[in-house]
PDB file of N, CA and C in Angstrom:
ATOM      1  N   UNK A   1      -9.304   4.736   0.918  1.00  0.00           N
ATOM      2  CA  UNK A   1      -8.798   4.433   2.300  1.00  0.00           C
ATOM      3  C   UNK A   1      -7.407   4.822   2.473  1.00  0.00           C
ATOM      4  N   UNK A   2      -7.018   5.298   3.455  1.00  0.00           N
ATOM      5  CA  UNK A   2      -5.480   5.583   3.933  1.00  0.00           C
ATOM      6  C   UNK A   2      -5.228   4.931   5.094  1.00  0.00           C
ATOM      7  N   UNK A   3      -4.100   4.362   5.100  1.00  0.00           N
ATOM      8  CA  UNK A   3      -3.300   3.723   6.180  1.00  0.00           C
ATOM      9  C   UNK A   3      -1.993   4.213   6.308  1.00  0.00           C
ATOM     10  N   UNK A   4      -1.891   4.887   7.479  1.00  0.00           N
ATOM     11  CA  UNK A   4      -0.485   5.340   7.740  1.00  0.00           C
ATOM     12  C   UNK A   4       0.033   4.754   8.965  1.00  0.00           C
ATOM     13  N   UNK A   5       1.335   4.128   8.727  1.00  0.00           N
ATOM     14  CA  UNK A   5       2.065   3.569   9.700  1.00  0.00           C
ATOM     15  C   UNK A   5       3.405   4.368  10.018  1.00  0.00           C
ATOM     16  N   UNK A   6       3.540   4.820  11.202  1.00  0.00           N
ATOM     17  CA  UNK A   6       4.852   5.184  11.676  1.00  0.00           C
ATOM     18  C   UNK A   6       5.422   4.302  12.675  1.00  0.00           C
ATOM     19  N   UNK A   7       6.722   4.022  12.336  1.00  0.00           N
ATOM     20  CA  UNK A   7       7.338   3.131  13.003  1.00  0.00           C
ATOM     21  C   UNK A   7       8.086   3.587  14.244  1.00  0.00           C
ATOM     22  N   UNK A   8       8.266   2.979  15.302  1.00  0.00           N
ATOM     23  CA  UNK A   8       8.999   3.444  16.532  1.00  0.00           C
ATOM     24  C   UNK A   8      10.424   3.801  16.115  1.00  0.00           C
ATOM     25  N   UNK A   9      10.953   3.015  15.211  1.00  0.00           N
ATOM     26  CA  UNK A   9      12.387   3.060  14.788  1.00  0.00           C
ATOM     27  C   UNK A   9      12.406   2.752  13.275  1.00  0.00           C
ATOM     28  N   UNK A  10      13.495   3.133  12.681  1.00  0.00           N
ATOM     29  CA  UNK A  10      13.424   2.770  11.081  1.00  0.00           C
ATOM     30  C   UNK A  10      13.560   1.278  10.944  1.00  0.00           C
ATOM     31  N   UNK A  11      13.005   0.744   9.980  1.00  0.00           N
ATOM     32  CA  UNK A  11      13.084  -0.814   9.609  1.00  0.00           C
ATOM     33  C   UNK A  11      13.302  -0.813   8.214  1.00  0.00           C
ATOM     34  N   UNK A  12      13.484  -2.039   7.856  1.00  0.00           N
ATOM     35  CA  UNK A  12      13.607  -2.631   6.538  1.00  0.00           C
ATOM     36  C   UNK A  12      12.403  -3.187   6.031  1.00  0.00           C
ATOM     37  N   UNK A  13      12.060  -2.829   4.870  1.00  0.00           N
ATOM     38  CA  UNK A  13      10.616  -3.191   4.358  1.00  0.00           C
ATOM     39  C   UNK A  13      11.139  -3.685   2.894  1.00  0.00           C
ATOM     40  N   UNK A  14      10.655  -4.876   2.289  1.00  0.00           N
ATOM     41  CA  UNK A  14      11.068  -5.354   1.032  1.00  0.00           C
ATOM     42  C   UNK A  14       9.780  -5.452   0.231  1.00  0.00           C
ATOM     43  N   UNK A  15       8.584  -5.386   0.753  1.00  0.00           N
ATOM     44  CA  UNK A  15       7.215  -5.521   0.169  1.00  0.00           C
ATOM     45  C   UNK A  15       6.100  -5.522   0.869  1.00  0.00           C
ATOM     46  N   UNK A  16       4.969  -5.422   0.320  1.00  0.00           N
ATOM     47  CA  UNK A  16       3.672  -5.478   1.016  1.00  0.00           C
ATOM     48  C   UNK A  16       2.916  -6.616   0.326  1.00  0.00           C
ATOM     49  N   UNK A  17       2.114  -7.321   1.080  1.00  0.00           N
ATOM     50  CA  UNK A  17       1.104  -8.292   0.696  1.00  0.00           C
ATOM     51  C   UNK A  17      -0.222  -7.898   1.287  1.00  0.00           C
ATOM     52  N   UNK A  18      -1.347  -7.868   0.478  1.00  0.00           N
ATOM     53  CA  UNK A  18      -2.596  -7.517   0.938  1.00  0.00           C
ATOM     54  C   UNK A  18      -3.656  -8.332   0.267  1.00  0.00           C
ATOM     55  N   UNK A  19      -4.936  -8.514   1.149  1.00  0.00           N
ATOM     56  CA  UNK A  19      -5.958  -9.104   0.669  1.00  0.00           C
ATOM     57  C   UNK A  19      -7.262  -8.119   0.898  1.00  0.00           C
ATOM     58  N   UNK A  20      -8.049  -7.904  -0.138  1.00  0.00           N
ATOM     59  CA  UNK A  20      -9.218  -7.013  -0.218  1.00  0.00           C
ATOM     60  C   UNK A  20     -10.476  -7.724  -0.545  1.00  0.00           C
ATOM     61  N   UNK A  21     -11.603  -7.072  -0.378  1.00  0.00           N
ATOM     62  CA  UNK A  21     -12.883  -7.502  -0.674  1.00  0.00           C
ATOM     63  C   UNK A  21     -12.711  -7.135  -2.327  1.00  0.00           C
ATOM     64  N   UNK A  22     -13.772  -7.923  -3.079  1.00  0.00           N
ATOM     65  CA  UNK A  22     -13.914  -7.766  -4.500  1.00  0.00           C
ATOM     66  C   UNK A  22     -14.054  -6.153  -4.770  1.00  0.00           C
ATOM     67  N   UNK A  23     -12.996  -5.853  -5.771  1.00  0.00           N
ATOM     68  CA  UNK A  23     -12.982  -4.360  -6.289  1.00  0.00           C
ATOM     69  C   UNK A  23     -11.946  -4.255  -7.350  1.00  0.00           C
ATOM     70  N   UNK A  24     -12.052  -3.248  -8.224  1.00  0.00           N
ATOM     71  CA  UNK A  24     -11.020  -2.786  -9.109  1.00  0.00           C
ATOM     72  C   UNK A  24     -10.350  -1.660  -8.360  1.00  0.00           C
ATOM     73  N   UNK A  25      -9.164  -1.670  -8.319  1.00  0.00           N
ATOM     74  CA  UNK A  25      -8.431  -0.554  -7.291  1.00  0.00           C
ATOM     75  C   UNK A  25      -7.118  -0.103  -7.720  1.00  0.00           C
ATOM     76  N   UNK A  26      -6.661   0.943  -7.430  1.00  0.00           N
ATOM     77  CA  UNK A  26      -5.302   1.470  -7.483  1.00  0.00           C
ATOM     78  C   UNK A  26      -4.796   1.662  -5.928  1.00  0.00           C
ATOM     79  N   UNK A  27      -3.620   1.181  -5.826  1.00  0.00           N
ATOM     80  CA  UNK A  27      -3.057   1.511  -4.447  1.00  0.00           C
ATOM     81  C   UNK A  27      -1.819   2.287  -4.885  1.00  0.00           C
ATOM     82  N   UNK A  28      -1.504   3.165  -3.840  1.00  0.00           N
ATOM     83  CA  UNK A  28      -0.173   3.760  -3.748  1.00  0.00           C
ATOM     84  C   UNK A  28       0.462   3.691  -2.447  1.00  0.00           C
ATOM     85  N   UNK A  29       1.681   3.340  -2.521  1.00  0.00           N
ATOM     86  CA  UNK A  29       2.399   3.226  -1.290  1.00  0.00           C
ATOM     87  C   UNK A  29       3.584   4.017  -1.197  1.00  0.00           C
ATOM     88  N   UNK A  30       3.601   4.863  -0.092  1.00  0.00           N
ATOM     89  CA  UNK A  30       4.767   5.930  -0.087  1.00  0.00           C
ATOM     90  C   UNK A  30       5.760   5.417   1.142  1.00  0.00           C
ATOM     91  N   UNK A  31       6.831   5.169   0.899  1.00  0.00           N
ATOM     92  CA  UNK A  31       7.850   4.990   1.864  1.00  0.00           C
ATOM     93  C   UNK A  31       8.849   6.047   2.130  1.00  0.00           C
ATOM     94  N   UNK A  32       8.905   6.313   3.441  1.00  0.00           N
ATOM     95  CA  UNK A  32       9.729   7.681   3.756  1.00  0.00           C
ATOM     96  C   UNK A  32      10.991   6.915   4.436  1.00  0.00           C
ATOM     97  N   UNK A  33      12.115   7.562   3.906  1.00  0.00           N
ATOM     98  CA  UNK A  33      13.416   7.213   4.679  1.00  0.00           C
ATOM     99  C   UNK A  33      13.487   8.183   5.850  1.00  0.00           C
ATOM    100  N   UNK A  34      14.251   7.674   6.837  1.00  0.00           N
ATOM    101  CA  UNK A  34      14.480   8.488   8.147  1.00  0.00           C
ATOM    102  C   UNK A  34      14.884   9.712   7.823  1.00  0.00           C
ATOM    103  N   UNK A  35      14.271  10.783   8.395  1.00  0.00           N
ATOM    104  CA  UNK A  35      14.683  12.080   8.500  1.00  0.00           C
ATOM    105  C   UNK A  35      14.281  12.808   6.994  1.00  0.00           C
ATOM    106  N   UNK A  36      13.346  12.201   6.142  1.00  0.00           N
ATOM    107  CA  UNK A  36      13.164  12.670   4.921  1.00  0.00           C
ATOM    108  C   UNK A  36      11.543  13.048   4.631  1.00  0.00           C
ATOM    109  N   UNK A  37      11.268  13.906   4.046  1.00  0.00           N
ATOM    110  CA  UNK A  37       9.836  14.096   3.638  1.00  0.00           C
ATOM    111  C   UNK A  37       9.650  13.888   2.143  1.00  0.00           C
ATOM    112  N   UNK A  38      10.580  13.307   1.477  1.00  0.00           N
ATOM    113  CA  UNK A  38      10.413  12.899   0.220  1.00  0.00           C
ATOM    114  C   UNK A  38      10.355  11.549  -0.078  1.00  0.00           C
ATOM    115  N   UNK A  39       9.178  10.914  -0.167  1.00  0.00           N
ATOM    116  CA  UNK A  39       9.011   9.442  -0.126  1.00  0.00           C
ATOM    117  C   UNK A  39       9.264   8.759  -1.593  1.00  0.00           C
ATOM    118  N   UNK A  40       9.651   7.479  -1.461  1.00  0.00           N
ATOM    119  CA  UNK A  40       9.890   6.699  -2.657  1.00  0.00           C
ATOM    120  C   UNK A  40       8.462   6.128  -2.924  1.00  0.00           C
ATOM    121  N   UNK A  41       7.738   6.356  -4.110  1.00  0.00           N
ATOM    122  CA  UNK A  41       6.471   6.000  -4.337  1.00  0.00           C
ATOM    123  C   UNK A  41       6.174   4.755  -5.114  1.00  0.00           C
ATOM    124  N   UNK A  42       5.294   3.912  -4.879  1.00  0.00           N
ATOM    125  CA  UNK A  42       5.122   2.747  -5.769  1.00  0.00           C
ATOM    126  C   UNK A  42       3.633   2.854  -5.957  1.00  0.00           C
ATOM    127  N   UNK A  43       3.097   2.621  -7.175  1.00  0.00           N
ATOM    128  CA  UNK A  43       1.795   2.577  -7.498  1.00  0.00           C
ATOM    129  C   UNK A  43       1.261   1.446  -8.618  1.00  0.00           C
ATOM    130  N   UNK A  44       0.199   0.888  -8.289  1.00  0.00           N
ATOM    131  CA  UNK A  44      -0.032  -0.339  -9.121  1.00  0.00           C
ATOM    132  C   UNK A  44      -1.591  -0.278  -9.350  1.00  0.00           C
ATOM    133  N   UNK A  45      -2.179  -0.620 -10.278  1.00  0.00           N
ATOM    134  CA  UNK A  45      -3.679  -0.768 -10.557  1.00  0.00           C
ATOM    135  C   UNK A  45      -4.121  -2.170 -10.918  1.00  0.00           C
ATOM    136  N   UNK A  46      -5.151  -2.690 -10.319  1.00  0.00           N
ATOM    137  CA  UNK A  46      -5.792  -4.060 -10.550  1.00  0.00           C
ATOM    138  C   UNK A  46      -7.096  -4.004 -10.857  1.00  0.00           C
ATOM    139  N   UNK A  47      -7.440  -4.585 -12.134  1.00  0.00           N
ATOM    140  CA  UNK A  47      -8.706  -4.861 -12.672  1.00  0.00           C
ATOM    141  C   UNK A  47      -9.275  -6.236 -12.947  1.00  0.00           C
ATOM    142  N   UNK A  48     -10.316  -6.626 -12.594  1.00  0.00           N
ATOM    143  CA  UNK A  48     -10.644  -7.776 -13.131  1.00  0.00           C
ATOM    144  C   UNK A  48     -10.170  -9.007 -12.571  1.00  0.00           C
ATOM    145  N   UNK A  49      -9.629  -8.847 -11.219  1.00  0.00           N
ATOM    146  CA  UNK A  49      -9.302 -10.016 -10.594  1.00  0.00           C
ATOM    147  C   UNK A  49     -10.362 -10.890  -9.978  1.00  0.00           C
ATOM    148  N   UNK A  50     -10.435 -12.232 -10.267  1.00  0.00           N
ATOM    149  CA  UNK A  50     -11.528 -13.052  -9.974  1.00  0.00           C
ATOM    150  C   UNK A  50     -11.430 -13.071  -8.497  1.00  0.00           C
ATOM    151  N   UNK A  51     -12.635 -13.114  -7.816  1.00  0.00           N
ATOM    152  CA  UNK A  51     -12.655 -13.369  -6.314  1.00  0.00           C
ATOM    153  C   UNK A  51     -12.222 -12.086  -5.530  1.00  0.00           C
ATOM    154  N   UNK A  52     -11.790 -12.382  -4.347  1.00  0.00           N
ATOM    155  CA  UNK A  52     -11.286 -11.355  -3.494  1.00  0.00           C
ATOM    156  C   UNK A  52      -9.764 -11.093  -3.927  1.00  0.00           C
ATOM    157  N   UNK A  53      -9.360  -9.819  -4.302  1.00  0.00           N
ATOM    158  CA  UNK A  53      -7.836  -9.826  -4.692  1.00  0.00           C
ATOM    159  C   UNK A  53      -6.904 -10.059  -3.544  1.00  0.00           C
ATOM    160  N   UNK A  54      -5.944 -10.761  -3.841  1.00  0.00           N
ATOM    161  CA  UNK A  54      -4.709 -11.022  -3.109  1.00  0.00           C
ATOM    162  C   UNK A  54      -3.576 -10.450  -3.993  1.00  0.00           C
ATOM    163  N   UNK A  55      -2.784  -9.414  -3.458  1.00  0.00           N
ATOM    164  CA  UNK A  55      -2.004  -8.815  -4.350  1.00  0.00           C
ATOM    165  C   UNK A  55      -0.573  -8.613  -3.340  1.00  0.00           C
ATOM    166  N   UNK A  56       0.538  -8.543  -4.203  1.00  0.00           N
ATOM    167  CA  UNK A  56       1.836  -8.536  -3.557  1.00  0.00           C
ATOM    168  C   UNK A  56       2.697  -7.457  -4.402  1.00  0.00           C
ATOM    169  N   UNK A  57       3.350  -6.571  -3.779  1.00  0.00           N
ATOM    170  CA  UNK A  57       4.144  -5.590  -4.380  1.00  0.00           C
ATOM    171  C   UNK A  57       5.706  -5.686  -3.644  1.00  0.00           C
ATOM    172  N   UNK A  58       6.680  -5.944  -4.573  1.00  0.00           N
ATOM    173  CA  UNK A  58       7.905  -5.740  -3.970  1.00  0.00           C
ATOM    174  C   UNK A  58       8.517  -4.324  -4.003  1.00  0.00           C
ATOM    175  N   UNK A  59       9.101  -3.824  -3.029  1.00  0.00           N
ATOM    176  CA  UNK A  59       9.904  -2.597  -2.792  1.00  0.00           C
ATOM    177  C   UNK A  59      11.430  -2.744  -3.535  1.00  0.00           C
ATOM    178  N   UNK A  60      11.332  -2.682  -4.784  1.00  0.00           N
ATOM    179  CA  UNK A  60      12.689  -2.979  -5.276  1.00  0.00           C
ATOM    180  C   UNK A  60      13.403  -1.728  -5.688  1.00  0.00           C
ATOM    181  N   UNK A  61      12.971  -0.642  -5.423  1.00  0.00           N
ATOM    182  CA  UNK A  61      13.582   0.727  -5.497  1.00  0.00           C
ATOM    183  C   UNK A  61      13.933   1.256  -4.230  1.00  0.00           C
ATOM    184  N   UNK A  62      13.835   0.677  -3.255  1.00  0.00           N
ATOM    185  CA  UNK A  62      14.105   1.138  -1.806  1.00  0.00           C
ATOM    186  C   UNK A  62      12.873   1.804  -1.314  1.00  0.00           C
ATOM    187  N   UNK A  63      13.222   2.641  -0.246  1.00  0.00           N
ATOM    188  CA  UNK A  63      14.467   3.090   0.530  1.00  0.00           C
ATOM    189  C   UNK A  63      15.043   1.714   1.361  1.00  0.00           C
ATOM    190  N   UNK A  64      16.388   1.817   1.685  1.00  0.00           N
ATOM    191  CA  UNK A  64      16.813   0.870   2.470  1.00  0.00           C
ATOM    192  C   UNK A  64      16.048   0.731   3.864  1.00  0.00           C
ATOM    193  N   UNK A  65      16.029   1.891   4.486  1.00  0.00           N
ATOM    194  CA  UNK A  65      15.302   1.840   5.696  1.00  0.00           C
ATOM    195  C   UNK A  65      14.062   2.744   5.600  1.00  0.00           C
ATOM    196  N   UNK A  66      13.064   2.548   6.472  1.00  0.00           N
ATOM    197  CA  UNK A  66      11.718   3.261   6.340  1.00  0.00           C
ATOM    198  C   UNK A  66      11.434   3.571   7.754  1.00  0.00           C
ATOM    199  N   UNK A  67      11.053   4.880   7.849  1.00  0.00           N
ATOM    200  CA  UNK A  67      10.502   5.374   9.124  1.00  0.00           C
ATOM    201  C   UNK A  67       8.954   5.552   9.185  1.00  0.00           C
ATOM    202  N   UNK A  68       8.363   5.569   7.816  1.00  0.00           N
ATOM    203  CA  UNK A  68       6.904   5.860   7.900  1.00  0.00           C
ATOM    204  C   UNK A  68       6.440   5.290   6.466  1.00  0.00           C
ATOM    205  N   UNK A  69       5.220   4.773   6.422  1.00  0.00           N
ATOM    206  CA  UNK A  69       4.662   4.071   5.338  1.00  0.00           C
ATOM    207  C   UNK A  69       3.230   4.705   5.329  1.00  0.00           C
ATOM    208  N   UNK A  70       2.830   5.018   3.926  1.00  0.00           N
ATOM    209  CA  UNK A  70       1.511   5.581   3.781  1.00  0.00           C
ATOM    210  C   UNK A  70       0.921   4.795   2.493  1.00  0.00           C
ATOM    211  N   UNK A  71      -0.205   4.146   2.846  1.00  0.00           N
ATOM    212  CA  UNK A  71      -0.834   3.386   1.820  1.00  0.00           C
ATOM    213  C   UNK A  71      -2.170   4.027   1.495  1.00  0.00           C
ATOM    214  N   UNK A  72      -2.493   4.399   0.159  1.00  0.00           N
ATOM    215  CA  UNK A  72      -3.735   4.898  -0.413  1.00  0.00           C
ATOM    216  C   UNK A  72      -4.578   3.908  -1.182  1.00  0.00           C
ATOM    217  N   UNK A  73      -5.497   3.833  -0.917  1.00  0.00           N
ATOM    218  CA  UNK A  73      -6.324   2.564  -1.831  1.00  0.00           C
ATOM    219  C   UNK A  73      -7.632   3.268  -2.365  1.00  0.00           C
ATOM    220  N   UNK A  74      -7.762   3.218  -3.704  1.00  0.00           N
ATOM    221  CA  UNK A  74      -8.941   3.917  -4.468  1.00  0.00           C
ATOM    222  C   UNK A  74      -9.561   2.982  -5.206  1.00  0.00           C
ATOM    223  N   UNK A  75     -10.922   2.642  -4.927  1.00  0.00           N
ATOM    224  CA  UNK A  75     -11.783   1.731  -5.476  1.00  0.00           C
ATOM    225  C   UNK A  75     -12.148   2.530  -6.803  1.00  0.00           C
ATOM    226  N   UNK A  76     -11.708   1.774  -7.997  1.00  0.00           N
ATOM    227  CA  UNK A  76     -11.972   2.635  -9.338  1.00  0.00           C
ATOM    228  C   UNK A  76     -13.456   2.758  -9.654  1.00  0.00           C
ATOM    229  N   UNK A  77     -14.179   1.938  -9.182  1.00  0.00           N
ATOM    230  CA  UNK A  77     -15.663   2.054  -9.676  1.00  0.00           C
ATOM    231  C   UNK A  77     -16.603   2.761  -8.519  1.00  0.00           C
ATOM    232  N   UNK A  78     -16.169   3.352  -7.574  1.00  0.00           N
ATOM    233  CA  UNK A  78     -16.880   4.044  -6.719  1.00  0.00           C
ATOM    234  C   UNK A  78     -16.814   5.461  -6.982  1.00  0.00           C
ATOM    235  N   UNK A  79     -17.699   6.220  -6.275  1.00  0.00           N
ATOM    236  CA  UNK A  79     -17.607   7.824  -6.613  1.00  0.00           C
ATOM    237  C   UNK A  79     -16.779   8.294  -5.440  1.00  0.00           C
ATOM    238  N   UNK A  80     -17.275   9.488  -4.818  1.00  0.00           N
ATOM    239  CA  UNK A  80     -16.425  10.199  -3.889  1.00  0.00           C
ATOM    240  C   UNK A  80     -16.376   9.492  -2.561  1.00  0.00           C
ATOM    241  N   UNK A  81     -17.335   8.469  -2.291  1.00  0.00           N
ATOM    242  CA  UNK A  81     -17.430   7.730  -0.917  1.00  0.00           C
ATOM    243  C   UNK A  81     -17.319   6.239  -1.499  1.00  0.00           C
ATOM    244  N   UNK A  82     -16.495   5.693  -0.770  1.00  0.00           N
ATOM    245  CA  UNK A  82     -16.599   4.091  -1.014  1.00  0.00           C
ATOM    246  C   UNK A  82     -16.336   3.420   0.351  1.00  0.00           C
ATOM    247  N   UNK A  83     -16.673   2.126   0.337  1.00  0.00           N
ATOM    248  CA  UNK A  83     -16.274   1.321   1.594  1.00  0.00           C
ATOM    249  C   UNK A  83     -15.110   0.276   0.897  1.00  0.00           C
ATOM    250  N   UNK A  84     -14.018   0.497   1.590  1.00  0.00           N
ATOM    251  CA  UNK A  84     -12.749  -0.117   1.053  1.00  0.00           C
ATOM    252  C   UNK A  84     -12.702  -1.386   2.359  1.00  0.00           C
ATOM    253  N   UNK A  85     -12.905  -2.601   1.863  1.00  0.00           N
ATOM    254  CA  UNK A  85     -12.532  -3.679   2.860  1.00  0.00           C
ATOM    255  C   UNK A  85     -11.132  -4.256   2.689  1.00  0.00           C
ATOM    256  N   UNK A  86     -10.358  -3.984   3.740  1.00  0.00           N
ATOM    257  CA  UNK A  86      -8.977  -4.533   3.991  1.00  0.00           C
ATOM    258  C   UNK A  86      -9.070  -5.657   4.659  1.00  0.00           C
ATOM    259  N   UNK A  87      -8.888  -6.686   4.105  1.00  0.00           N
ATOM    260  CA  UNK A  87      -8.826  -8.113   4.865  1.00  0.00           C
ATOM    261  C   UNK A  87      -7.731  -8.342   5.563  1.00  0.00           C
ATOM    262  N   UNK A  88      -6.449  -8.103   4.931  1.00  0.00           N
ATOM    263  CA  UNK A  88      -5.065  -8.379   5.670  1.00  0.00           C
ATOM    264  C   UNK A  88      -4.085  -7.496   4.947  1.00  0.00           C
ATOM    265  N   UNK A  89      -3.200  -7.001   5.902  1.00  0.00           N
ATOM    266  CA  UNK A  89      -1.973  -6.220   5.290  1.00  0.00           C
ATOM    267  C   UNK A  89      -0.857  -7.107   5.895  1.00  0.00           C
ATOM    268  N   UNK A  90       0.239  -7.341   5.091  1.00  0.00           N
ATOM    269  CA  UNK A  90       1.400  -8.042   5.698  1.00  0.00           C
ATOM    270  C   UNK A  90       2.601  -7.279   5.209  1.00  0.00           C
ATOM    271  N   UNK A  91       3.634  -6.693   6.166  1.00  0.00           N
ATOM    272  CA  UNK A  91       4.662  -6.179   5.681  1.00  0.00           C
ATOM    273  C   UNK A  91       5.797  -7.263   5.458  1.00  0.00           C
ATOM    274  N   UNK A  92       6.611  -7.073   4.415  1.00  0.00           N
ATOM    275  CA  UNK A  92       7.799  -8.076   4.332  1.00  0.00           C
ATOM    276  C   UNK A  92       8.955  -7.317   4.502  1.00  0.00           C
TER     277      UNK A  92
END
């Protein structure tokens, strides 16, 4: 699954909180500073979380301001096609 958010103006983001259906997954978050095509990238892999995963990731390496965010989620146990159930996304 891919979720791309383009903000009407640059904003500060300090992290992302998310809830998903049961799965093992890797998520990659790309944060684009204003006027740049070079993102700051965060990646984390989660396996064996009991129940429906609730995960949080701090954006501790910046950038200070973000104009676009791209979230990529890959179910590690699925093939080329997968149903990714995103219950909730919350920007901090």
